[in-house]
Amino acid sequence: MGRPRVEPDEYVENMLSIARQCLANGTSTVILATNHPVSKEIPHMHKDAYKDNARLYNSVLRVAIASTNHPGIQLLDMESTFRSQETPNSYLLADGVHLSEVGHIHYFAHSCDFVKATLGVIA
C-alpha cells in the first residue's frame, strides 16, 4: 500500500504513448491531466510518502509534456489548480484521497473551462 505499481519513467512513457496513438489516429488535441493533491498518510510509512509519490508523478508528467513540445499534447494541471485554492484540503473527503462534492464541482468546472479554451470553443 502506498508504493507505486508503475515506475515514473514507465508511467510517462505509457501516457505519451497513448497520446501519440491518439494523434496518429486523427485526434487533434490530447489533454493529459495531473492528479489533484492528496493529504493521505499511510501507517508504517513516512507520513508524506503517498503525497510525495503523487507529486512525483505529476512532476514527471509536466516535464515530459513540456519536453515533447507537441502542440497537440496539452497539460491540464489539476494539482496546481487545486493548490492555488485557499483551502485545497476542503476539496477532499476524510480519506485524504477522494474528492468531496465541492471538489468534484471544482474539478468539473475547471476541466470544462480548460477544454473550451484549449479547443477554442466559445461558451
PDB file of N, CA and C in Angstrom:
ATOM      1  N   MET A   1       0.841  -1.180   0.000  1.00  0.00           N
ATOM      2  CA  MET A   1       0.000   0.000   0.000  1.00  0.00           C
ATOM      3  C   MET A   1       0.889   1.247   0.000  1.00  0.00           C
ATOM      4  N   GLY A   2       0.569   2.190  -0.876  1.00  0.00           N
ATOM      5  CA  GLY A   2       1.314   3.433  -0.917  1.00  0.00           C
ATOM      6  C   GLY A   2       2.546   3.388  -1.790  1.00  0.00           C
ATOM      7  N   ARG A   3       2.845   2.218  -2.352  1.00  0.00           N
ATOM      8  CA  ARG A   3       4.001   2.103  -3.240  1.00  0.00           C
ATOM      9  C   ARG A   3       3.503   2.064  -4.680  1.00  0.00           C
ATOM     10  N   PRO A   4       4.172   2.766  -5.576  1.00  0.00           N
ATOM     11  CA  PRO A   4       3.734   2.772  -6.970  1.00  0.00           C
ATOM     12  C   PRO A   4       3.878   1.395  -7.612  1.00  0.00           C
ATOM     13  N   ARG A   5       2.924   1.063  -8.452  1.00  0.00           N
ATOM     14  CA  ARG A   5       2.978  -0.200  -9.189  1.00  0.00           C
ATOM     15  C   ARG A   5       3.694  -0.027 -10.520  1.00  0.00           C
ATOM     16  N   VAL A   6       3.775   1.223 -10.969  1.00  0.00           N
ATOM     17  CA  VAL A   6       4.446   1.555 -12.220  1.00  0.00           C
ATOM     18  C   VAL A   6       5.465   2.641 -11.890  1.00  0.00           C
ATOM     19  N   GLU A   7       6.686   2.437 -12.311  1.00  0.00           N
ATOM     20  CA  GLU A   7       7.738   3.419 -12.047  1.00  0.00           C
ATOM     21  C   GLU A   7       7.472   4.700 -12.838  1.00  0.00           C
ATOM     22  N   PRO A   8       7.972   5.847 -12.354  1.00  0.00           N
ATOM     23  CA  PRO A   8       7.692   7.131 -13.012  1.00  0.00           C
ATOM     24  C   PRO A   8       8.035   7.175 -14.493  1.00  0.00           C
ATOM     25  N   ASP A   9       9.194   6.638 -14.885  1.00  0.00           N
ATOM     26  CA  ASP A   9       9.562   6.689 -16.307  1.00  0.00           C
ATOM     27  C   ASP A   9       8.622   5.837 -17.160  1.00  0.00           C
ATOM     28  N   GLU A  10       8.188   4.704 -16.628  1.00  0.00           N
ATOM     29  CA  GLU A  10       7.243   3.844 -17.351  1.00  0.00           C
ATOM     30  C   GLU A  10       5.873   4.521 -17.437  1.00  0.00           C
ATOM     31  N   TYR A  11       5.468   5.180 -16.366  1.00  0.00           N
ATOM     32  CA  TYR A  11       4.203   5.919 -16.350  1.00  0.00           C
ATOM     33  C   TYR A  11       4.199   6.986 -17.448  1.00  0.00           C
ATOM     34  N   VAL A  12       5.257   7.772 -17.509  1.00  0.00           N
ATOM     35  CA  VAL A  12       5.348   8.840 -18.507  1.00  0.00           C
ATOM     36  C   VAL A  12       5.326   8.257 -19.913  1.00  0.00           C
ATOM     37  N   GLU A  13       6.096   7.197 -20.131  1.00  0.00           N
ATOM     38  CA  GLU A  13       6.116   6.595 -21.458  1.00  0.00           C
ATOM     39  C   GLU A  13       4.734   6.057 -21.832  1.00  0.00           C
ATOM     40  N   ASN A  14       4.029   5.464 -20.886  1.00  0.00           N
ATOM     41  CA  ASN A  14       2.668   4.988 -21.155  1.00  0.00           C
ATOM     42  C   ASN A  14       1.748   6.138 -21.542  1.00  0.00           C
ATOM     43  N   MET A  15       1.805   7.222 -20.796  1.00  0.00           N
ATOM     44  CA  MET A  15       0.934   8.374 -21.070  1.00  0.00           C
ATOM     45  C   MET A  15       1.241   8.982 -22.433  1.00  0.00           C
ATOM     46  N   LEU A  16       2.530   9.162 -22.740  1.00  0.00           N
ATOM     47  CA  LEU A  16       2.903   9.739 -24.030  1.00  0.00           C
ATOM     48  C   LEU A  16       2.596   8.787 -25.183  1.00  0.00           C
ATOM     49  N   SER A  17       2.727   7.498 -24.950  1.00  0.00           N
ATOM     50  CA  SER A  17       2.391   6.518 -25.976  1.00  0.00           C
ATOM     51  C   SER A  17       0.900   6.581 -26.319  1.00  0.00           C
ATOM     52  N   ILE A  18       0.066   6.682 -25.309  1.00  0.00           N
ATOM     53  CA  ILE A  18      -1.378   6.822 -25.537  1.00  0.00           C
ATOM     54  C   ILE A  18      -1.665   8.095 -26.324  1.00  0.00           C
ATOM     55  N   ALA A  19      -1.027   9.189 -25.923  1.00  0.00           N
ATOM     56  CA  ALA A  19      -1.241  10.465 -26.616  1.00  0.00           C
ATOM     57  C   ALA A  19      -0.804  10.361 -28.076  1.00  0.00           C
ATOM     58  N   ARG A  20       0.370   9.774 -28.315  1.00  0.00           N
ATOM     59  CA  ARG A  20       0.863   9.640 -29.689  1.00  0.00           C
ATOM     60  C   ARG A  20      -0.067   8.779 -30.545  1.00  0.00           C
ATOM     61  N   GLN A  21      -0.598   7.715 -29.960  1.00  0.00           N
ATOM     62  CA  GLN A  21      -1.523   6.847 -30.697  1.00  0.00           C
ATOM     63  C   GLN A  21      -2.797   7.610 -31.053  1.00  0.00           C
ATOM     64  N   CYS A  22      -3.292   8.397 -30.129  1.00  0.00           N
ATOM     65  CA  CYS A  22      -4.486   9.209 -30.408  1.00  0.00           C
ATOM     66  C   CYS A  22      -4.213  10.188 -31.546  1.00  0.00           C
ATOM     67  N   LEU A  23      -3.076  10.862 -31.487  1.00  0.00           N
ATOM     68  CA  LEU A  23      -2.720  11.823 -32.532  1.00  0.00           C
ATOM     69  C   LEU A  23      -2.530  11.134 -33.879  1.00  0.00           C
ATOM     70  N   ALA A  24      -1.913   9.968 -33.873  1.00  0.00           N
ATOM     71  CA  ALA A  24      -1.695   9.226 -35.114  1.00  0.00           C
ATOM     72  C   ALA A  24      -3.008   8.771 -35.746  1.00  0.00           C
ATOM     73  N   ASN A  25      -4.037   8.626 -34.926  1.00  0.00           N
ATOM     74  CA  ASN A  25      -5.348   8.196 -35.421  1.00  0.00           C
ATOM     75  C   ASN A  25      -6.280   9.360 -35.724  1.00  0.00           C
ATOM     76  N   GLY A  26      -5.727  10.578 -35.770  1.00  0.00           N
ATOM     77  CA  GLY A  26      -6.512  11.714 -36.216  1.00  0.00           C
ATOM     78  C   GLY A  26      -7.033  12.646 -35.146  1.00  0.00           C
ATOM     79  N   THR A  27      -6.778  12.353 -33.887  1.00  0.00           N
ATOM     80  CA  THR A  27      -7.181  13.264 -32.821  1.00  0.00           C
ATOM     81  C   THR A  27      -6.323  14.514 -32.906  1.00  0.00           C
ATOM     82  N   SER A  28      -6.948  15.681 -32.851  1.00  0.00           N
ATOM     83  CA  SER A  28      -6.171  16.914 -33.000  1.00  0.00           C
ATOM     84  C   SER A  28      -5.513  17.352 -31.698  1.00  0.00           C
ATOM     85  N   THR A  29      -6.160  17.077 -30.585  1.00  0.00           N
ATOM     86  CA  THR A  29      -5.638  17.505 -29.287  1.00  0.00           C
ATOM     87  C   THR A  29      -5.861  16.417 -28.251  1.00  0.00           C
ATOM     88  N   VAL A  30      -4.817  16.115 -27.503  1.00  0.00           N
ATOM     89  CA  VAL A  30      -4.901  15.173 -26.390  1.00  0.00           C
ATOM     90  C   VAL A  30      -4.598  15.958 -25.121  1.00  0.00           C
ATOM     91  N   ILE A  31      -5.483  15.848 -24.155  1.00  0.00           N
ATOM     92  CA  ILE A  31      -5.286  16.541 -22.884  1.00  0.00           C
ATOM     93  C   ILE A  31      -4.927  15.501 -21.824  1.00  0.00           C
ATOM     94  N   LEU A  32      -3.742  15.652 -21.254  1.00  0.00           N
ATOM     95  CA  LEU A  32      -3.303  14.800 -20.162  1.00  0.00           C
ATOM     96  C   LEU A  32      -3.351  15.637 -18.887  1.00  0.00           C
ATOM     97  N   ALA A  33      -3.823  15.041 -17.812  1.00  0.00           N
ATOM     98  CA  ALA A  33      -4.014  15.797 -16.566  1.00  0.00           C
ATOM     99  C   ALA A  33      -3.183  15.230 -15.431  1.00  0.00           C
ATOM    100  N   THR A  34      -2.697  16.133 -14.597  1.00  0.00           N
ATOM    101  CA  THR A  34      -2.093  15.710 -13.344  1.00  0.00           C
ATOM    102  C   THR A  34      -3.223  15.354 -12.390  1.00  0.00           C
ATOM    103  N   ASN A  35      -2.877  14.645 -11.334  1.00  0.00           N
ATOM    104  CA  ASN A  35      -3.853  14.323 -10.296  1.00  0.00           C
ATOM    105  C   ASN A  35      -3.981  15.486  -9.325  1.00  0.00           C
ATOM    106  N   HIS A  36      -5.137  15.584  -8.709  1.00  0.00           N
ATOM    107  CA  HIS A  36      -5.314  16.604  -7.676  1.00  0.00           C
ATOM    108  C   HIS A  36      -4.446  16.235  -6.465  1.00  0.00           C
ATOM    109  N   PRO A  37      -4.120  17.210  -5.627  1.00  0.00           N
ATOM    110  CA  PRO A  37      -3.312  16.913  -4.431  1.00  0.00           C
ATOM    111  C   PRO A  37      -4.062  15.980  -3.482  1.00  0.00           C
ATOM    112  N   VAL A  38      -3.306  15.230  -2.715  1.00  0.00           N
ATOM    113  CA  VAL A  38      -3.869  14.341  -1.702  1.00  0.00           C
ATOM    114  C   VAL A  38      -3.273  14.708  -0.351  1.00  0.00           C
ATOM    115  N   SER A  39      -3.949  14.281   0.707  1.00  0.00           N
ATOM    116  CA  SER A  39      -3.422  14.541   2.046  1.00  0.00           C
ATOM    117  C   SER A  39      -3.308  13.256   2.863  1.00  0.00           C
ATOM    118  N   LYS A  40      -3.453  12.113   2.187  1.00  0.00           N
ATOM    119  CA  LYS A  40      -3.449  10.818   2.865  1.00  0.00           C
ATOM    120  C   LYS A  40      -2.088  10.504   3.468  1.00  0.00           C
ATOM    121  N   GLU A  41      -2.138   9.932   4.666  1.00  0.00           N
ATOM    122  CA  GLU A  41      -0.938   9.400   5.301  1.00  0.00           C
ATOM    123  C   GLU A  41      -1.140   7.899   5.466  1.00  0.00           C
ATOM    124  N   ILE A  42      -0.091   7.121   5.262  1.00  0.00           N
ATOM    125  CA  ILE A  42      -0.186   5.669   5.345  1.00  0.00           C
ATOM    126  C   ILE A  42       0.583   5.192   6.568  1.00  0.00           C
ATOM    127  N   PRO A  43      -0.092   4.433   7.437  1.00  0.00           N
ATOM    128  CA  PRO A  43       0.599   3.918   8.627  1.00  0.00           C
ATOM    129  C   PRO A  43       1.836   3.105   8.255  1.00  0.00           C
ATOM    130  N   HIS A  44       2.828   3.153   9.086  1.00  0.00           N
ATOM    131  CA  HIS A  44       4.071   2.389   8.947  1.00  0.00           C
ATOM    132  C   HIS A  44       4.942   2.866   7.785  1.00  0.00           C
ATOM    133  N   MET A  45       4.617   4.003   7.211  1.00  0.00           N
ATOM    134  CA  MET A  45       5.446   4.571   6.153  1.00  0.00           C
ATOM    135  C   MET A  45       5.749   6.009   6.539  1.00  0.00           C
ATOM    136  N   HIS A  46       6.736   6.582   5.892  1.00  0.00           N
ATOM    137  CA  HIS A  46       6.985   8.004   6.060  1.00  0.00           C
ATOM    138  C   HIS A  46       5.661   8.724   5.868  1.00  0.00           C
ATOM    139  N   LYS A  47       5.307   9.640   6.744  1.00  0.00           N
ATOM    140  CA  LYS A  47       3.959  10.211   6.734  1.00  0.00           C
ATOM    141  C   LYS A  47       3.588  10.913   5.424  1.00  0.00           C
ATOM    142  N   ASP A  48       4.563  11.361   4.666  1.00  0.00           N
ATOM    143  CA  ASP A  48       4.258  12.048   3.419  1.00  0.00           C
ATOM    144  C   ASP A  48       4.514  11.191   2.181  1.00  0.00           C
ATOM    145  N   ALA A  49       4.725   9.875   2.353  1.00  0.00           N
ATOM    146  CA  ALA A  49       5.088   9.008   1.225  1.00  0.00           C
ATOM    147  C   ALA A  49       4.033   9.036   0.118  1.00  0.00           C
ATOM    148  N   TYR A  50       2.767   8.921   0.475  1.00  0.00           N
ATOM    149  CA  TYR A  50       1.705   8.899  -0.529  1.00  0.00           C
ATOM    150  C   TYR A  50       1.648  10.233  -1.268  1.00  0.00           C
ATOM    151  N   LYS A  51       1.704  11.326  -0.491  1.00  0.00           N
ATOM    152  CA  LYS A  51       1.691  12.670  -1.095  1.00  0.00           C
ATOM    153  C   LYS A  51       2.917  12.889  -1.977  1.00  0.00           C
ATOM    154  N   ASP A  52       4.069  12.437  -1.506  1.00  0.00           N
ATOM    155  CA  ASP A  52       5.307  12.608  -2.275  1.00  0.00           C
ATOM    156  C   ASP A  52       5.233  11.859  -3.606  1.00  0.00           C
ATOM    157  N   ASN A  53       4.682  10.649  -3.582  1.00  0.00           N
ATOM    158  CA  ASN A  53       4.546   9.883  -4.825  1.00  0.00           C
ATOM    159  C   ASN A  53       3.605  10.585  -5.796  1.00  0.00           C
ATOM    160  N   ALA A  54       2.499  11.097  -5.291  1.00  0.00           N
ATOM    161  CA  ALA A  54       1.546  11.810  -6.160  1.00  0.00           C
ATOM    162  C   ALA A  54       2.228  13.028  -6.785  1.00  0.00           C
ATOM    163  N   ARG A  55       2.970  13.780  -5.977  1.00  0.00           N
ATOM    164  CA  ARG A  55       3.689  14.952  -6.500  1.00  0.00           C
ATOM    165  C   ARG A  55       4.728  14.560  -7.539  1.00  0.00           C
ATOM    166  N   LEU A  56       5.444  13.461  -7.288  1.00  0.00           N
ATOM    167  CA  LEU A  56       6.478  12.996  -8.214  1.00  0.00           C
ATOM    168  C   LEU A  56       5.870  12.663  -9.581  1.00  0.00           C
ATOM    169  N   TYR A  57       4.798  11.905  -9.587  1.00  0.00           N
ATOM    170  CA  TYR A  57       4.184  11.512 -10.862  1.00  0.00           C
ATOM    171  C   TYR A  57       3.626  12.725 -11.596  1.00  0.00           C
ATOM    172  N   ASN A  58       3.057  13.661 -10.865  1.00  0.00           N
ATOM    173  CA  ASN A  58       2.590  14.893 -11.501  1.00  0.00           C
ATOM    174  C   ASN A  58       3.764  15.664 -12.102  1.00  0.00           C
ATOM    175  N   SER A  59       4.857  15.715 -11.380  1.00  0.00           N
ATOM    176  CA  SER A  59       6.037  16.450 -11.842  1.00  0.00           C
ATOM    177  C   SER A  59       6.630  15.829 -13.102  1.00  0.00           C
ATOM    178  N   VAL A  60       6.783  14.512 -13.123  1.00  0.00           N
ATOM    179  CA  VAL A  60       7.380  13.881 -14.303  1.00  0.00           C
ATOM    180  C   VAL A  60       6.460  14.013 -15.519  1.00  0.00           C
ATOM    181  N   LEU A  61       5.153  14.042 -15.297  1.00  0.00           N
ATOM    182  CA  LEU A  61       4.230  14.241 -16.413  1.00  0.00           C
ATOM    183  C   LEU A  61       4.372  15.657 -16.966  1.00  0.00           C
ATOM    184  N   ARG A  62       4.467  16.653 -16.083  1.00  0.00           N
ATOM    185  CA  ARG A  62       4.668  18.042 -16.529  1.00  0.00           C
ATOM    186  C   ARG A  62       5.921  18.173 -17.398  1.00  0.00           C
ATOM    187  N   VAL A  63       7.023  17.626 -16.898  1.00  0.00           N
ATOM    188  CA  VAL A  63       8.298  17.717 -17.610  1.00  0.00           C
ATOM    189  C   VAL A  63       8.207  17.010 -18.957  1.00  0.00           C
ATOM    190  N   ALA A  64       7.617  15.839 -18.983  1.00  0.00           N
ATOM    191  CA  ALA A  64       7.530  15.071 -20.225  1.00  0.00           C
ATOM    192  C   ALA A  64       6.696  15.797 -21.272  1.00  0.00           C
ATOM    193  N   ILE A  65       5.570  16.355 -20.866  1.00  0.00           N
ATOM    194  CA  ILE A  65       4.726  17.064 -21.823  1.00  0.00           C
ATOM    195  C   ILE A  65       5.446  18.307 -22.341  1.00  0.00           C
ATOM    196  N   ALA A  66       6.106  19.034 -21.458  1.00  0.00           N
ATOM    197  CA  ALA A  66       6.849  20.222 -21.884  1.00  0.00           C
ATOM    198  C   ALA A  66       7.970  19.841 -22.852  1.00  0.00           C
ATOM    199  N   SER A  67       8.622  18.716 -22.601  1.00  0.00           N
ATOM    200  CA  SER A  67       9.748  18.329 -23.452  1.00  0.00           C
ATOM    201  C   SER A  67       9.303  17.814 -24.816  1.00  0.00           C
ATOM    202  N   THR A  68       8.063  17.344 -24.934  1.00  0.00           N
ATOM    203  CA  THR A  68       7.593  16.890 -26.250  1.00  0.00           C
ATOM    204  C   THR A  68       7.410  18.072 -27.177  1.00  0.00           C
ATOM    205  N   ASN A  69       7.052  19.223 -26.606  1.00  0.00           N
ATOM    206  CA  ASN A  69       6.845  20.442 -27.381  1.00  0.00           C
ATOM    207  C   ASN A  69       5.888  20.196 -28.558  1.00  0.00           C
ATOM    208  N   HIS A  70       4.920  19.316 -28.340  1.00  0.00           N
ATOM    209  CA  HIS A  70       3.942  18.991 -29.381  1.00  0.00           C
ATOM    210  C   HIS A  70       2.663  19.776 -29.096  1.00  0.00           C
ATOM    211  N   PRO A  71       2.225  20.619 -30.024  1.00  0.00           N
ATOM    212  CA  PRO A  71       1.040  21.443 -29.770  1.00  0.00           C
ATOM    213  C   PRO A  71      -0.241  20.630 -29.577  1.00  0.00           C
ATOM    214  N   GLY A  72      -0.235  19.377 -30.007  1.00  0.00           N
ATOM    215  CA  GLY A  72      -1.422  18.543 -29.851  1.00  0.00           C
ATOM    216  C   GLY A  72      -1.514  17.855 -28.506  1.00  0.00           C
ATOM    217  N   ILE A  73      -0.462  17.963 -27.686  1.00  0.00           N
ATOM    218  CA  ILE A  73      -0.481  17.364 -26.344  1.00  0.00           C
ATOM    219  C   ILE A  73      -0.495  18.498 -25.329  1.00  0.00           C
ATOM    220  N   GLN A  74      -1.589  18.609 -24.606  1.00  0.00           N
ATOM    221  CA  GLN A  74      -1.783  19.700 -23.655  1.00  0.00           C
ATOM    222  C   GLN A  74      -1.861  19.159 -22.228  1.00  0.00           C
ATOM    223  N   LEU A  75      -1.399  19.963 -21.294  1.00  0.00           N
ATOM    224  CA  LEU A  75      -1.422  19.585 -19.877  1.00  0.00           C
ATOM    225  C   LEU A  75      -2.527  20.326 -19.151  1.00  0.00           C
ATOM    226  N   LEU A  76      -3.391  19.579 -18.502  1.00  0.00           N
ATOM    227  CA  LEU A  76      -4.387  20.130 -17.578  1.00  0.00           C
ATOM    228  C   LEU A  76      -3.828  19.886 -16.183  1.00  0.00           C
ATOM    229  N   ASP A  77      -3.269  20.918 -15.573  1.00  0.00           N
ATOM    230  CA  ASP A  77      -2.555  20.769 -14.304  1.00  0.00           C
ATOM    231  C   ASP A  77      -3.514  20.936 -13.127  1.00  0.00           C
ATOM    232  N   MET A  78      -4.215  19.857 -12.798  1.00  0.00           N
ATOM    233  CA  MET A  78      -5.189  19.896 -11.709  1.00  0.00           C
ATOM    234  C   MET A  78      -4.503  20.065 -10.353  1.00  0.00           C
ATOM    235  N   GLU A  79      -3.310  19.533 -10.206  1.00  0.00           N
ATOM    236  CA  GLU A  79      -2.606  19.699  -8.934  1.00  0.00           C
ATOM    237  C   GLU A  79      -2.383  21.188  -8.657  1.00  0.00           C
ATOM    238  N   SER A  80      -1.867  21.910  -9.620  1.00  0.00           N
ATOM    239  CA  SER A  80      -1.619  23.340  -9.430  1.00  0.00           C
ATOM    240  C   SER A  80      -2.922  24.103  -9.222  1.00  0.00           C
ATOM    241  N   THR A  81      -3.946  23.717  -9.954  1.00  0.00           N
ATOM    242  CA  THR A  81      -5.248  24.378  -9.816  1.00  0.00           C
ATOM    243  C   THR A  81      -5.790  24.230  -8.402  1.00  0.00           C
ATOM    244  N   PHE A  82      -5.731  23.007  -7.871  1.00  0.00           N
ATOM    245  CA  PHE A  82      -6.240  22.786  -6.515  1.00  0.00           C
ATOM    246  C   PHE A  82      -5.353  23.472  -5.478  1.00  0.00           C
ATOM    247  N   ARG A  83      -4.040  23.428  -5.665  1.00  0.00           N
ATOM    248  CA  ARG A  83      -3.126  24.056  -4.693  1.00  0.00           C
ATOM    249  C   ARG A  83      -3.293  25.573  -4.654  1.00  0.00           C
ATOM    250  N   SER A  84      -3.764  26.151  -5.749  1.00  0.00           N
ATOM    251  CA  SER A  84      -3.934  27.601  -5.781  1.00  0.00           C
ATOM    252  C   SER A  84      -5.166  28.062  -5.005  1.00  0.00           C
ATOM    253  N   GLN A  85      -5.994  27.120  -4.571  1.00  0.00           N
ATOM    254  CA  GLN A  85      -7.186  27.473  -3.806  1.00  0.00           C
ATOM    255  C   GLN A  85      -6.813  27.789  -2.358  1.00  0.00           C
ATOM    256  N   GLU A  86      -7.629  28.576  -1.714  1.00  0.00           N
ATOM    257  CA  GLU A  86      -7.333  28.987  -0.339  1.00  0.00           C
ATOM    258  C   GLU A  86      -7.298  27.803   0.626  1.00  0.00           C
ATOM    259  N   THR A  87      -8.212  26.852   0.471  1.00  0.00           N
ATOM    260  CA  THR A  87      -8.266  25.681   1.354  1.00  0.00           C
ATOM    261  C   THR A  87      -8.378  24.405   0.508  1.00  0.00           C
ATOM    262  N   PRO A  88      -7.264  23.978  -0.120  1.00  0.00           N
ATOM    263  CA  PRO A  88      -7.341  22.833  -1.030  1.00  0.00           C
ATOM    264  C   PRO A  88      -7.831  21.538  -0.385  1.00  0.00           C
ATOM    265  N   ASN A  89      -7.553  21.327   0.907  1.00  0.00           N
ATOM    266  CA  ASN A  89      -7.994  20.089   1.549  1.00  0.00           C
ATOM    267  C   ASN A  89      -9.510  20.035   1.722  1.00  0.00           C
ATOM    268  N   SER A  90     -10.192  21.183   1.601  1.00  0.00           N
ATOM    269  CA  SER A  90     -11.655  21.163   1.708  1.00  0.00           C
ATOM    270  C   SER A  90     -12.277  20.473   0.506  1.00  0.00           C
ATOM    271  N   TYR A  91     -11.488  20.240  -0.538  1.00  0.00           N
ATOM    272  CA  TYR A  91     -11.983  19.557  -1.727  1.00  0.00           C
ATOM    273  C   TYR A  91     -11.862  18.036  -1.616  1.00  0.00           C
ATOM    274  N   LEU A  92     -11.328  17.552  -0.498  1.00  0.00           N
ATOM    275  CA  LEU A  92     -11.128  16.118  -0.310  1.00  0.00           C
ATOM    276  C   LEU A  92     -12.070  15.552   0.748  1.00  0.00           C
ATOM    277  N   LEU A  93     -12.382  14.271   0.601  1.00  0.00           N
ATOM    278  CA  LEU A  93     -13.116  13.560   1.647  1.00  0.00           C
ATOM    279  C   LEU A  93     -12.162  13.293   2.806  1.00  0.00           C
ATOM    280  N   ALA A  94     -12.693  12.756   3.875  1.00  0.00           N
ATOM    281  CA  ALA A  94     -11.890  12.489   5.071  1.00  0.00           C
ATOM    282  C   ALA A  94     -10.751  11.504   4.807  1.00  0.00           C
ATOM    283  N   ASP A  95     -10.870  10.660   3.770  1.00  0.00           N
ATOM    284  CA  ASP A  95      -9.800   9.698   3.484  1.00  0.00           C
ATOM    285  C   ASP A  95      -8.548  10.357   2.920  1.00  0.00           C
ATOM    286  N   GLY A  96      -8.646  11.642   2.547  1.00  0.00           N
ATOM    287  CA  GLY A  96      -7.486  12.381   2.064  1.00  0.00           C
ATOM    288  C   GLY A  96      -7.088  12.089   0.633  1.00  0.00           C
ATOM    289  N   VAL A  97      -7.906  11.313  -0.089  1.00  0.00           N
ATOM    290  CA  VAL A  97      -7.590  10.942  -1.463  1.00  0.00           C
ATOM    291  C   VAL A  97      -8.708  11.336  -2.423  1.00  0.00           C
ATOM    292  N   HIS A  98      -9.912  10.967  -2.071  1.00  0.00           N
ATOM    293  CA  HIS A  98     -11.040  11.152  -2.984  1.00  0.00           C
ATOM    294  C   HIS A  98     -11.653  12.539  -2.845  1.00  0.00           C
ATOM    295  N   LEU A  99     -12.147  13.045  -3.967  1.00  0.00           N
ATOM    296  CA  LEU A  99     -12.755  14.372  -3.975  1.00  0.00           C
ATOM    297  C   LEU A  99     -14.105  14.392  -3.275  1.00  0.00           C
ATOM    298  N   SER A 100     -14.354  15.481  -2.572  1.00  0.00           N
ATOM    299  CA  SER A 100     -15.669  15.720  -1.978  1.00  0.00           C
ATOM    300  C   SER A 100     -16.598  16.224  -3.075  1.00  0.00           C
ATOM    301  N   GLU A 101     -17.855  16.460  -2.731  1.00  0.00           N
ATOM    302  CA  GLU A 101     -18.787  17.004  -3.726  1.00  0.00           C
ATOM    303  C   GLU A 101     -18.287  18.354  -4.237  1.00  0.00           C
ATOM    304  N   VAL A 102     -17.823  19.206  -3.340  1.00  0.00           N
ATOM    305  CA  VAL A 102     -17.286  20.506  -3.737  1.00  0.00           C
ATOM    306  C   VAL A 102     -16.052  20.321  -4.614  1.00  0.00           C
ATOM    307  N   GLY A 103     -15.219  19.333  -4.286  1.00  0.00           N
ATOM    308  CA  GLY A 103     -14.037  19.044  -5.098  1.00  0.00           C
ATOM    309  C   GLY A 103     -14.405  18.605  -6.498  1.00  0.00           C
ATOM    310  N   HIS A 104     -15.442  17.768  -6.611  1.00  0.00           N
ATOM    311  CA  HIS A 104     -15.896  17.330  -7.934  1.00  0.00           C
ATOM    312  C   HIS A 104     -16.431  18.504  -8.753  1.00  0.00           C
ATOM    313  N   ILE A 105     -17.165  19.377  -8.099  1.00  0.00           N
ATOM    314  CA  ILE A 105     -17.703  20.554  -8.798  1.00  0.00           C
ATOM    315  C   ILE A 105     -16.556  21.427  -9.312  1.00  0.00           C
ATOM    316  N   HIS A 106     -15.566  21.660  -8.466  1.00  0.00           N
ATOM    317  CA  HIS A 106     -14.402  22.460  -8.869  1.00  0.00           C
ATOM    318  C   HIS A 106     -13.657  21.780 -10.017  1.00  0.00           C
ATOM    319  N   TYR A 107     -13.434  20.483  -9.900  1.00  0.00           N
ATOM    320  CA  TYR A 107     -12.716  19.720 -10.925  1.00  0.00           C
ATOM    321  C   TYR A 107     -13.450  19.824 -12.257  1.00  0.00           C
ATOM    322  N   PHE A 108     -14.761  19.607 -12.221  1.00  0.00           N
ATOM    323  CA  PHE A 108     -15.577  19.657 -13.434  1.00  0.00           C
ATOM    324  C   PHE A 108     -15.533  21.046 -14.068  1.00  0.00           C
ATOM    325  N   ALA A 109     -15.744  22.074 -13.258  1.00  0.00           N
ATOM    326  CA  ALA A 109     -15.781  23.443 -13.790  1.00  0.00           C
ATOM    327  C   ALA A 109     -14.439  23.816 -14.426  1.00  0.00           C
ATOM    328  N   HIS A 110     -13.349  23.521 -13.731  1.00  0.00           N
ATOM    329  CA  HIS A 110     -12.029  23.872 -14.269  1.00  0.00           C
ATOM    330  C   HIS A 110     -11.734  23.063 -15.536  1.00  0.00           C
ATOM    331  N   SER A 111     -12.076  21.775 -15.521  1.00  0.00           N
ATOM    332  CA  SER A 111     -11.841  20.928 -16.693  1.00  0.00           C
ATOM    333  C   SER A 111     -12.615  21.450 -17.903  1.00  0.00           C
ATOM    334  N   CYS A 112     -13.871  21.809 -17.695  1.00  0.00           N
ATOM    335  CA  CYS A 112     -14.688  22.335 -18.800  1.00  0.00           C
ATOM    336  C   CYS A 112     -14.089  23.623 -19.350  1.00  0.00           C
ATOM    337  N   ASP A 113     -13.699  24.527 -18.468  1.00  0.00           N
ATOM    338  CA  ASP A 113     -13.092  25.787 -18.913  1.00  0.00           C
ATOM    339  C   ASP A 113     -11.816  25.519 -19.704  1.00  0.00           C
ATOM    340  N   PHE A 114     -11.001  24.594 -19.216  1.00  0.00           N
ATOM    341  CA  PHE A 114      -9.741  24.271 -19.891  1.00  0.00           C
ATOM    342  C   PHE A 114     -10.000  23.681 -21.273  1.00  0.00           C
ATOM    343  N   VAL A 115     -10.927  22.735 -21.359  1.00  0.00           N
ATOM    344  CA  VAL A 115     -11.224  22.100 -22.644  1.00  0.00           C
ATOM    345  C   VAL A 115     -11.756  23.140 -23.634  1.00  0.00           C
ATOM    346  N   LYS A 116     -12.661  23.971 -23.173  1.00  0.00           N
ATOM    347  CA  LYS A 116     -13.212  25.016 -24.061  1.00  0.00           C
ATOM    348  C   LYS A 116     -12.106  25.938 -24.553  1.00  0.00           C
ATOM    349  N   ALA A 117     -11.235  26.361 -23.669  1.00  0.00           N
ATOM    350  CA  ALA A 117     -10.139  27.262 -24.054  1.00  0.00           C
ATOM    351  C   ALA A 117      -9.154  26.557 -24.990  1.00  0.00           C
ATOM    352  N   THR A 118      -8.847  25.312 -24.693  1.00  0.00           N
ATOM    353  CA  THR A 118      -7.876  24.570 -25.496  1.00  0.00           C
ATOM    354  C   THR A 118      -8.397  24.295 -26.898  1.00  0.00           C
ATOM    355  N   LEU A 119      -9.683  23.988 -27.005  1.00  0.00           N
ATOM    356  CA  LEU A 119     -10.265  23.655 -28.300  1.00  0.00           C
ATOM    357  C   LEU A 119     -10.869  24.858 -29.015  1.00  0.00           C
ATOM    358  N   GLY A 120     -10.817  26.017 -28.341  1.00  0.00           N
ATOM    359  CA  GLY A 120     -11.349  27.227 -28.957  1.00  0.00           C
ATOM    360  C   GLY A 120     -12.862  27.279 -29.013  1.00  0.00           C
ATOM    361  N   VAL A 121     -13.500  26.627 -28.064  1.00  0.00           N
ATOM    362  CA  VAL A 121     -14.956  26.620 -28.019  1.00  0.00           C
ATOM    363  C   VAL A 121     -15.443  27.880 -27.320  1.00  0.00           C
ATOM    364  N   ILE A 122     -16.399  28.540 -27.898  1.00  0.00           N
ATOM    365  CA  ILE A 122     -16.976  29.738 -27.290  1.00  0.00           C
ATOM    366  C   ILE A 122     -18.200  29.326 -26.495  1.00  0.00           C
ATOM    367  N   ALA A 123     -18.191  29.672 -25.204  1.00  0.00           N
ATOM    368  CA  ALA A 123     -19.310  29.297 -24.334  1.00  0.00           C
ATOM    369  C   ALA A 123     -20.524  30.147 -24.586  1.00  0.00           C
TER     370      ALA A 123
END
